[in-house]
Amino acid sequence: IVKPLFELMGKNITLVGGNGDGQTTKVANQIIVALNIQAVAEALLFASKAG
């Protein structure tokens, strides 16, 4: 029923499970992104101190 609406919003549509599972997936993705940002910040600081 809602698939045509999702197709308007994005090219790739992935079913991740039942009710609430999309929120869990979003939180997991946000954690991964935050860890990547932190890793880049640490690497830049390390490189800056190394000269």
PDB file of N, CA and C in Angstrom:
ATOM      1  N   ILE A   1       0.830  -1.201   0.000  1.00  0.00           N
ATOM      2  CA  ILE A   1       0.000   0.000   0.000  1.00  0.00           C
ATOM      3  C   ILE A   1       0.866   1.252   0.000  1.00  0.00           C
ATOM      4  N   VAL A   2       1.930   1.284   0.805  1.00  0.00           N
ATOM      5  CA  VAL A   2       2.764   2.483   0.898  1.00  0.00           C
ATOM      6  C   VAL A   2       3.987   2.432  -0.008  1.00  0.00           C
ATOM      7  N   LYS A   3       4.212   1.305  -0.676  1.00  0.00           N
ATOM      8  CA  LYS A   3       5.406   1.166  -1.514  1.00  0.00           C
ATOM      9  C   LYS A   3       5.522   2.272  -2.555  1.00  0.00           C
ATOM     10  N   PRO A   4       4.439   2.681  -3.243  1.00  0.00           N
ATOM     11  CA  PRO A   4       4.575   3.782  -4.207  1.00  0.00           C
ATOM     12  C   PRO A   4       5.068   5.082  -3.561  1.00  0.00           C
ATOM     13  N   LEU A   5       4.663   5.331  -2.328  1.00  0.00           N
ATOM     14  CA  LEU A   5       5.134   6.531  -1.626  1.00  0.00           C
ATOM     15  C   LEU A   5       6.623   6.421  -1.308  1.00  0.00           C
ATOM     16  N   PHE A   6       7.048   5.245  -0.851  1.00  0.00           N
ATOM     17  CA  PHE A   6       8.468   5.033  -0.572  1.00  0.00           C
ATOM     18  C   PHE A   6       9.304   5.176  -1.835  1.00  0.00           C
ATOM     19  N   GLU A   7       8.769   4.708  -2.957  1.00  0.00           N
ATOM     20  CA  GLU A   7       9.496   4.815  -4.224  1.00  0.00           C
ATOM     21  C   GLU A   7       9.668   6.268  -4.648  1.00  0.00           C
ATOM     22  N   LEU A   8       8.754   7.143  -4.244  1.00  0.00           N
ATOM     23  CA  LEU A   8       8.909   8.574  -4.519  1.00  0.00           C
ATOM     24  C   LEU A   8      10.001   9.190  -3.647  1.00  0.00           C
ATOM     25  N   MET A   9      10.164   8.662  -2.433  1.00  0.00           N
ATOM     26  CA  MET A   9      11.124   9.230  -1.485  1.00  0.00           C
ATOM     27  C   MET A   9      12.544   8.730  -1.693  1.00  0.00           C
ATOM     28  N   GLY A  10      12.709   7.532  -2.254  1.00  0.00           N
ATOM     29  CA  GLY A  10      14.057   7.001  -2.406  1.00  0.00           C
ATOM     30  C   GLY A  10      14.133   5.920  -3.457  1.00  0.00           C
ATOM     31  N   LYS A  11      15.357   5.664  -3.884  1.00  0.00           N
ATOM     32  CA  LYS A  11      15.584   4.680  -4.940  1.00  0.00           C
ATOM     33  C   LYS A  11      15.653   3.261  -4.377  1.00  0.00           C
ATOM     34  N   ASN A  12      16.310   3.095  -3.245  1.00  0.00           N
ATOM     35  CA  ASN A  12      16.469   1.766  -2.640  1.00  0.00           C
ATOM     36  C   ASN A  12      15.531   1.624  -1.450  1.00  0.00           C
ATOM     37  N   ILE A  13      14.743   0.575  -1.441  1.00  0.00           N
ATOM     38  CA  ILE A  13      13.813   0.300  -0.349  1.00  0.00           C
ATOM     39  C   ILE A  13      14.187  -1.054   0.236  1.00  0.00           C
ATOM     40  N   THR A  14      14.465  -1.087   1.545  1.00  0.00           N
ATOM     41  CA  THR A  14      14.872  -2.331   2.198  1.00  0.00           C
ATOM     42  C   THR A  14      13.973  -2.594   3.394  1.00  0.00           C
ATOM     43  N   LEU A  15      13.330  -3.741   3.412  1.00  0.00           N
ATOM     44  CA  LEU A  15      12.522  -4.143   4.552  1.00  0.00           C
ATOM     45  C   LEU A  15      13.455  -4.697   5.623  1.00  0.00           C
ATOM     46  N   VAL A  16      13.391  -4.133   6.823  1.00  0.00           N
ATOM     47  CA  VAL A  16      14.299  -4.562   7.887  1.00  0.00           C
ATOM     48  C   VAL A  16      13.594  -5.364   8.973  1.00  0.00           C
ATOM     49  N   GLY A  17      12.319  -5.650   8.802  1.00  0.00           N
ATOM     50  CA  GLY A  17      11.607  -6.467   9.778  1.00  0.00           C
ATOM     51  C   GLY A  17      10.245  -5.907  10.093  1.00  0.00           C
ATOM     52  N   GLY A  18       9.778  -6.212  11.293  1.00  0.00           N
ATOM     53  CA  GLY A  18       8.448  -5.803  11.718  1.00  0.00           C
ATOM     54  C   GLY A  18       8.424  -4.406  12.313  1.00  0.00           C
ATOM     55  N   ASN A  19       7.320  -4.112  12.995  1.00  0.00           N
ATOM     56  CA  ASN A  19       7.148  -2.799  13.612  1.00  0.00           C
ATOM     57  C   ASN A  19       8.264  -2.524  14.616  1.00  0.00           C
ATOM     58  N   GLY A  20       8.865  -1.350  14.514  1.00  0.00           N
ATOM     59  CA  GLY A  20       9.924  -0.949  15.439  1.00  0.00           C
ATOM     60  C   GLY A  20      11.321  -1.339  15.004  1.00  0.00           C
ATOM     61  N   ASP A  21      11.433  -2.285  14.095  1.00  0.00           N
ATOM     62  CA  ASP A  21      12.759  -2.728  13.661  1.00  0.00           C
ATOM     63  C   ASP A  21      13.481  -1.659  12.856  1.00  0.00           C
ATOM     64  N   GLY A  22      12.740  -0.817  12.169  1.00  0.00           N
ATOM     65  CA  GLY A  22      13.357   0.281  11.432  1.00  0.00           C
ATOM     66  C   GLY A  22      14.032   1.263  12.376  1.00  0.00           C
ATOM     67  N   GLN A  23      13.396   1.516  13.523  1.00  0.00           N
ATOM     68  CA  GLN A  23      13.997   2.416  14.511  1.00  0.00           C
ATOM     69  C   GLN A  23      15.286   1.824  15.066  1.00  0.00           C
ATOM     70  N   THR A  24      15.280   0.529  15.324  1.00  0.00           N
ATOM     71  CA  THR A  24      16.486  -0.143  15.814  1.00  0.00           C
ATOM     72  C   THR A  24      17.601  -0.049  14.783  1.00  0.00           C
ATOM     73  N   THR A  25      17.252  -0.250  13.525  1.00  0.00           N
ATOM     74  CA  THR A  25      18.234  -0.153  12.450  1.00  0.00           C
ATOM     75  C   THR A  25      18.788   1.259  12.350  1.00  0.00           C
ATOM     76  N   LYS A  26      17.913   2.264  12.498  1.00  0.00           N
ATOM     77  CA  LYS A  26      18.361   3.657  12.423  1.00  0.00           C
ATOM     78  C   LYS A  26      19.326   3.968  13.563  1.00  0.00           C
ATOM     79  N   VAL A  27      19.022   3.517  14.768  1.00  0.00           N
ATOM     80  CA  VAL A  27      19.907   3.756  15.916  1.00  0.00           C
ATOM     81  C   VAL A  27      21.263   3.092  15.687  1.00  0.00           C
ATOM     82  N   ALA A  28      21.244   1.860  15.186  1.00  0.00           N
ATOM     83  CA  ALA A  28      22.506   1.169  14.906  1.00  0.00           C
ATOM     84  C   ALA A  28      23.326   1.938  13.877  1.00  0.00           C
ATOM     85  N   ASN A  29      22.666   2.437  12.836  1.00  0.00           N
ATOM     86  CA  ASN A  29      23.361   3.216  11.815  1.00  0.00           C
ATOM     87  C   ASN A  29      23.931   4.508  12.400  1.00  0.00           C
ATOM     88  N   GLN A  30      23.170   5.179  13.250  1.00  0.00           N
ATOM     89  CA  GLN A  30      23.650   6.419  13.859  1.00  0.00           C
ATOM     90  C   GLN A  30      24.862   6.165  14.753  1.00  0.00           C
ATOM     91  N   ILE A  31      24.883   5.040  15.448  1.00  0.00           N
ATOM     92  CA  ILE A  31      26.038   4.687  16.278  1.00  0.00           C
ATOM     93  C   ILE A  31      27.262   4.464  15.403  1.00  0.00           C
ATOM     94  N   ILE A  32      27.088   3.756  14.294  1.00  0.00           N
ATOM     95  CA  ILE A  32      28.207   3.509  13.376  1.00  0.00           C
ATOM     96  C   ILE A  32      28.746   4.819  12.823  1.00  0.00           C
ATOM     97  N   VAL A  33      27.859   5.728  12.426  1.00  0.00           N
ATOM     98  CA  VAL A  33      28.288   7.025  11.890  1.00  0.00           C
ATOM     99  C   VAL A  33      29.034   7.817  12.963  1.00  0.00           C
ATOM    100  N   ALA A  34      28.514   7.824  14.187  1.00  0.00           N
ATOM    101  CA  ALA A  34      29.172   8.551  15.275  1.00  0.00           C
ATOM    102  C   ALA A  34      30.566   7.991  15.545  1.00  0.00           C
ATOM    103  N   LEU A  35      30.705   6.674  15.511  1.00  0.00           N
ATOM    104  CA  LEU A  35      32.019   6.066  15.721  1.00  0.00           C
ATOM    105  C   LEU A  35      32.990   6.441  14.610  1.00  0.00           C
ATOM    106  N   ASN A  36      32.500   6.500  13.383  1.00  0.00           N
ATOM    107  CA  ASN A  36      33.358   6.913  12.269  1.00  0.00           C
ATOM    108  C   ASN A  36      33.806   8.361  12.415  1.00  0.00           C
ATOM    109  N   ILE A  37      32.907   9.230  12.826  1.00  0.00           N
ATOM    110  CA  ILE A  37      33.260  10.639  13.035  1.00  0.00           C
ATOM    111  C   ILE A  37      34.312  10.747  14.132  1.00  0.00           C
ATOM    112  N   GLN A  38      34.125  10.005  15.227  1.00  0.00           N
ATOM    113  CA  GLN A  38      35.087  10.028  16.328  1.00  0.00           C
ATOM    114  C   GLN A  38      36.443   9.496  15.880  1.00  0.00           C
ATOM    115  N   ALA A  39      36.446   8.442  15.082  1.00  0.00           N
ATOM    116  CA  ALA A  39      37.705   7.870  14.599  1.00  0.00           C
ATOM    117  C   ALA A  39      38.461   8.862  13.722  1.00  0.00           C
ATOM    118  N   VAL A  40      37.758   9.573  12.860  1.00  0.00           N
ATOM    119  CA  VAL A  40      38.405  10.580  12.010  1.00  0.00           C
ATOM    120  C   VAL A  40      38.961  11.708  12.868  1.00  0.00           C
ATOM    121  N   ALA A  41      38.202  12.145  13.868  1.00  0.00           N
ATOM    122  CA  ALA A  41      38.678  13.207  14.752  1.00  0.00           C
ATOM    123  C   ALA A  41      39.939  12.772  15.489  1.00  0.00           C
ATOM    124  N   GLU A  42      39.960  11.546  15.987  1.00  0.00           N
ATOM    125  CA  GLU A  42      41.143  11.036  16.683  1.00  0.00           C
ATOM    126  C   GLU A  42      42.336  10.935  15.735  1.00  0.00           C
ATOM    127  N   ALA A  43      42.096  10.488  14.518  1.00  0.00           N
ATOM    128  CA  ALA A  43      43.183  10.369  13.541  1.00  0.00           C
ATOM    129  C   ALA A  43      43.753  11.737  13.190  1.00  0.00           C
ATOM    130  N   LEU A  44      42.886  12.725  13.026  1.00  0.00           N
ATOM    131  CA  LEU A  44      43.357  14.081  12.719  1.00  0.00           C
ATOM    132  C   LEU A  44      44.159  14.656  13.879  1.00  0.00           C
ATOM    133  N   LEU A  45      43.709  14.426  15.100  1.00  0.00           N
ATOM    134  CA  LEU A  45      44.443  14.896  16.274  1.00  0.00           C
ATOM    135  C   LEU A  45      45.804  14.208  16.367  1.00  0.00           C
ATOM    136  N   PHE A  46      45.826  12.907  16.153  1.00  0.00           N
ATOM    137  CA  PHE A  46      47.074  12.143  16.180  1.00  0.00           C
ATOM    138  C   PHE A  46      48.046  12.663  15.123  1.00  0.00           C
ATOM    139  N   ALA A  47      47.547  12.878  13.909  1.00  0.00           N
ATOM    140  CA  ALA A  47      48.391  13.378  12.818  1.00  0.00           C
ATOM    141  C   ALA A  47      48.886  14.785  13.111  1.00  0.00           C
ATOM    142  N   SER A  48      48.029  15.598  13.700  1.00  0.00           N
ATOM    143  CA  SER A  48      48.414  16.972  14.035  1.00  0.00           C
ATOM    144  C   SER A  48      49.543  16.987  15.066  1.00  0.00           C
ATOM    145  N   LYS A  49      49.440  16.137  16.073  1.00  0.00           N
ATOM    146  CA  LYS A  49      50.473  16.078  17.108  1.00  0.00           C
ATOM    147  C   LYS A  49      51.772  15.465  16.580  1.00  0.00           C
ATOM    148  N   ALA A  50      51.662  14.593  15.590  1.00  0.00           N
ATOM    149  CA  ALA A  50      52.844  13.950  15.021  1.00  0.00           C
ATOM    150  C   ALA A  50      53.608  14.890  14.093  1.00  0.00           C
ATOM    151  N   GLY A  51      52.952  15.939  13.679  1.00  0.00           N
ATOM    152  CA  GLY A  51      53.622  16.915  12.822  1.00  0.00           C
ATOM    153  C   GLY A  51      53.303  16.655  11.399  1.00  0.00           C
TER     154      GLY A  51
END
